[in-house]
C-alpha atoms as a PDB file:
ATOM      1  CA  UNK A   1      16.051  48.512  39.136  1.00  0.00           C
ATOM      2  CA  UNK A   2      15.252  51.778  38.050  1.00  0.00           C
ATOM      3  CA  UNK A   3      12.575  52.423  36.398  1.00  0.00           C
ATOM      4  CA  UNK A   4      10.498  55.869  34.160  1.00  0.00           C
ATOM      5  CA  UNK A   5       7.339  56.361  36.134  1.00  0.00           C
ATOM      6  CA  UNK A   6       4.584  58.574  36.097  1.00  0.00           C
ATOM      7  CA  UNK A   7       1.897  60.034  38.497  1.00  0.00           C
ATOM      8  CA  UNK A   8      -1.073  58.718  36.264  1.00  0.00           C
ATOM      9  CA  UNK A   9      -3.166  61.492  35.372  1.00  0.00           C
ATOM     10  CA  UNK A  10      -0.645  63.802  37.252  1.00  0.00           C
ATOM     11  CA  UNK A  11       0.515  66.381  34.870  1.00  0.00           C
ATOM     12  CA  UNK A  12       4.912  66.711  34.262  1.00  0.00           C
ATOM     13  CA  UNK A  13       5.481  63.525  36.699  1.00  0.00           C
ATOM     14  CA  UNK A  14       7.802  61.955  34.473  1.00  0.00           C
ATOM     15  CA  UNK A  15      10.812  60.119  37.109  1.00  0.00           C
ATOM     16  CA  UNK A  16      13.147  58.050  37.430  1.00  0.00           C
ATOM     17  CA  UNK A  17      12.348  55.286  40.568  1.00  0.00           C
ATOM     18  CA  UNK A  18      13.930  52.977  41.746  1.00  0.00           C
ATOM     19  CA  UNK A  19      11.298  49.193  42.128  1.00  0.00           C
ATOM     20  CA  UNK A  20      11.262  46.219  43.602  1.00  0.00           C
ATOM     21  CA  UNK A  21      12.607  43.407  40.970  1.00  0.00           C
ATOM     22  CA  UNK A  22       8.956  41.901  40.626  1.00  0.00           C
ATOM     23  CA  UNK A  23       7.805  37.884  41.871  1.00  0.00           C
ATOM     24  CA  UNK A  24       7.825  35.155  38.869  1.00  0.00           C
ATOM     25  CA  UNK A  25       3.380  34.371  38.653  1.00  0.00           C
ATOM     26  CA  UNK A  26       2.243  31.646  36.932  1.00  0.00           C
ATOM     27  CA  UNK A  27       2.396  31.564  32.957  1.00  0.00           C
ATOM     28  CA  UNK A  28       4.825  34.575  32.802  1.00  0.00           C
ATOM     29  CA  UNK A  29       8.276  35.615  32.747  1.00  0.00           C
ATOM     30  CA  UNK A  30      11.063  38.651  33.836  1.00  0.00           C
ATOM     31  CA  UNK A  31      13.006  40.253  31.611  1.00  0.00           C
ATOM     32  CA  UNK A  32      16.366  41.644  31.817  1.00  0.00           C
ATOM     33  CA  UNK A  33      15.822  45.117  29.693  1.00  0.00           C
ATOM     34  CA  UNK A  34      18.260  46.483  27.634  1.00  0.00           C
ATOM     35  CA  UNK A  35      16.405  49.092  25.946  1.00  0.00           C
ATOM     36  CA  UNK A  36      13.082  51.179  25.798  1.00  0.00           C
ATOM     37  CA  UNK A  37      11.280  52.990  23.558  1.00  0.00           C
ATOM     38  CA  UNK A  38       9.335  56.612  24.166  1.00  0.00           C
ATOM     39  CA  UNK A  39       6.971  57.268  22.236  1.00  0.00           C
ATOM     40  CA  UNK A  40       3.936  59.539  21.435  1.00  0.00           C
ATOM     41  CA  UNK A  41       1.550  57.478  23.943  1.00  0.00           C
ATOM     42  CA  UNK A  42       4.008  57.893  26.694  1.00  0.00           C
ATOM     43  CA  UNK A  43       4.370  61.841  25.905  1.00  0.00           C
ATOM     44  CA  UNK A  44       0.628  61.896  26.288  1.00  0.00           C
ATOM     45  CA  UNK A  45       0.667  60.051  29.457  1.00  0.00           C
ATOM     46  CA  UNK A  46       3.350  62.232  31.150  1.00  0.00           C
ATOM     47  CA  UNK A  47       0.980  65.261  29.944  1.00  0.00           C
ATOM     48  CA  UNK A  48      -2.097  63.574  32.061  1.00  0.00           C
ATOM     49  CA  UNK A  49      -3.947  63.281  29.835  1.00  0.00           C
ATOM     50  CA  UNK A  50      -4.800  59.335  30.357  1.00  0.00           C
ATOM     51  CA  UNK A  51      -3.122  56.649  31.960  1.00  0.00           C
ATOM     52  CA  UNK A  52      -3.892  54.322  34.734  1.00  0.00           C
ATOM     53  CA  UNK A  53      -1.737  52.670  37.311  1.00  0.00           C
ATOM     54  CA  UNK A  54      -1.690  48.574  37.884  1.00  0.00           C
ATOM     55  CA  UNK A  55      -4.777  47.743  40.485  1.00  0.00           C
ATOM     56  CA  UNK A  56      -2.982  48.641  43.812  1.00  0.00           C
ATOM     57  CA  UNK A  57      -0.159  50.900  42.380  1.00  0.00           C
ATOM     58  CA  UNK A  58       0.156  54.568  42.644  1.00  0.00           C
ATOM     59  CA  UNK A  59       2.471  54.809  39.954  1.00  0.00           C
ATOM     60  CA  UNK A  60       2.430  53.665  36.028  1.00  0.00           C
ATOM     61  CA  UNK A  61       5.850  52.925  34.730  1.00  0.00           C
ATOM     62  CA  UNK A  62       6.556  53.298  30.961  1.00  0.00           C
ATOM     63  CA  UNK A  63       8.084  50.724  28.663  1.00  0.00           C
ATOM     64  CA  UNK A  64       5.368  49.136  26.316  1.00  0.00           C
ATOM     65  CA  UNK A  65       8.312  49.182  23.829  1.00  0.00           C
ATOM     66  CA  UNK A  66      10.816  47.442  25.031  1.00  0.00           C
ATOM     67  CA  UNK A  67      13.682  44.842  24.010  1.00  0.00           C
ATOM     68  CA  UNK A  68      15.396  42.660  26.694  1.00  0.00           C
ATOM     69  CA  UNK A  69      16.612  38.985  27.833  1.00  0.00           C
ATOM     70  CA  UNK A  70      14.213  36.237  29.370  1.00  0.00           C
ATOM     71  CA  UNK A  71      16.560  35.873  33.011  1.00  0.00           C
ATOM     72  CA  UNK A  72      13.374  33.044  34.552  1.00  0.00           C
ATOM     73  CA  UNK A  73       9.599  32.192  34.025  1.00  0.00           C
ATOM     74  CA  UNK A  74       7.076  30.023  34.663  1.00  0.00           C
ATOM     75  CA  UNK A  75       6.153  29.011  31.341  1.00  0.00           C
ATOM     76  CA  UNK A  76       5.270  24.960  29.892  1.00  0.00           C
ATOM     77  CA  UNK A  77       7.010  24.679  27.325  1.00  0.00           C
ATOM     78  CA  UNK A  78       9.547  26.162  29.087  1.00  0.00           C
ATOM     79  CA  UNK A  79      11.770  29.292  26.961  1.00  0.00           C
ATOM     80  CA  UNK A  80      15.274  29.497  26.312  1.00  0.00           C
ATOM     81  CA  UNK A  81      16.960  31.346  30.269  1.00  0.00           C
ATOM     82  CA  UNK A  82      18.205  33.710  27.529  1.00  0.00           C
ATOM     83  CA  UNK A  83      15.601  34.034  24.974  1.00  0.00           C
ATOM     84  CA  UNK A  84      15.823  37.429  23.369  1.00  0.00           C
ATOM     85  CA  UNK A  85      12.119  39.571  23.918  1.00  0.00           C
ATOM     86  CA  UNK A  86      10.237  41.955  21.828  1.00  0.00           C
ATOM     87  CA  UNK A  87       7.865  43.628  23.648  1.00  0.00           C
ATOM     88  CA  UNK A  88       6.001  45.810  21.525  1.00  0.00           C
ATOM     89  CA  UNK A  89       1.898  45.830  22.658  1.00  0.00           C
ATOM     90  CA  UNK A  90      -0.399  46.220  20.383  1.00  0.00           C
ATOM     91  CA  UNK A  91      -3.677  45.172  21.110  1.00  0.00           C
ATOM     92  CA  UNK A  92      -2.907  43.115  23.835  1.00  0.00           C
ATOM     93  CA  UNK A  93      -0.029  41.373  21.974  1.00  0.00           C
ATOM     94  CA  UNK A  94       3.579  40.507  23.343  1.00  0.00           C
ATOM     95  CA  UNK A  95       5.829  38.981  21.083  1.00  0.00           C
ATOM     96  CA  UNK A  96       8.683  36.221  22.469  1.00  0.00           C
ATOM     97  CA  UNK A  97      11.112  35.230  19.990  1.00  0.00           C
ATOM     98  CA  UNK A  98      13.933  32.800  20.938  1.00  0.00           C
END
């Protein structure tokens, strides 16, 4: 899949990368993203002001504001395989709307 990523704390490092589609772990959802928004936080991360990659990774992928469709999950109770998701992370909150 293609993504926009930065090297954390490296100024003006935003670039498009090809990354493997992640595995679906227990209690997780795989979403095919249709649209992603970039905002002031992403600009500040690209300016190297802050941001950390997940443990064991060298890049931080943008996309904390997105819309897409669920294409797989390991949740109970199950979601519709075509559930529409709106991902707006505010204090760790992710909203999933079927």
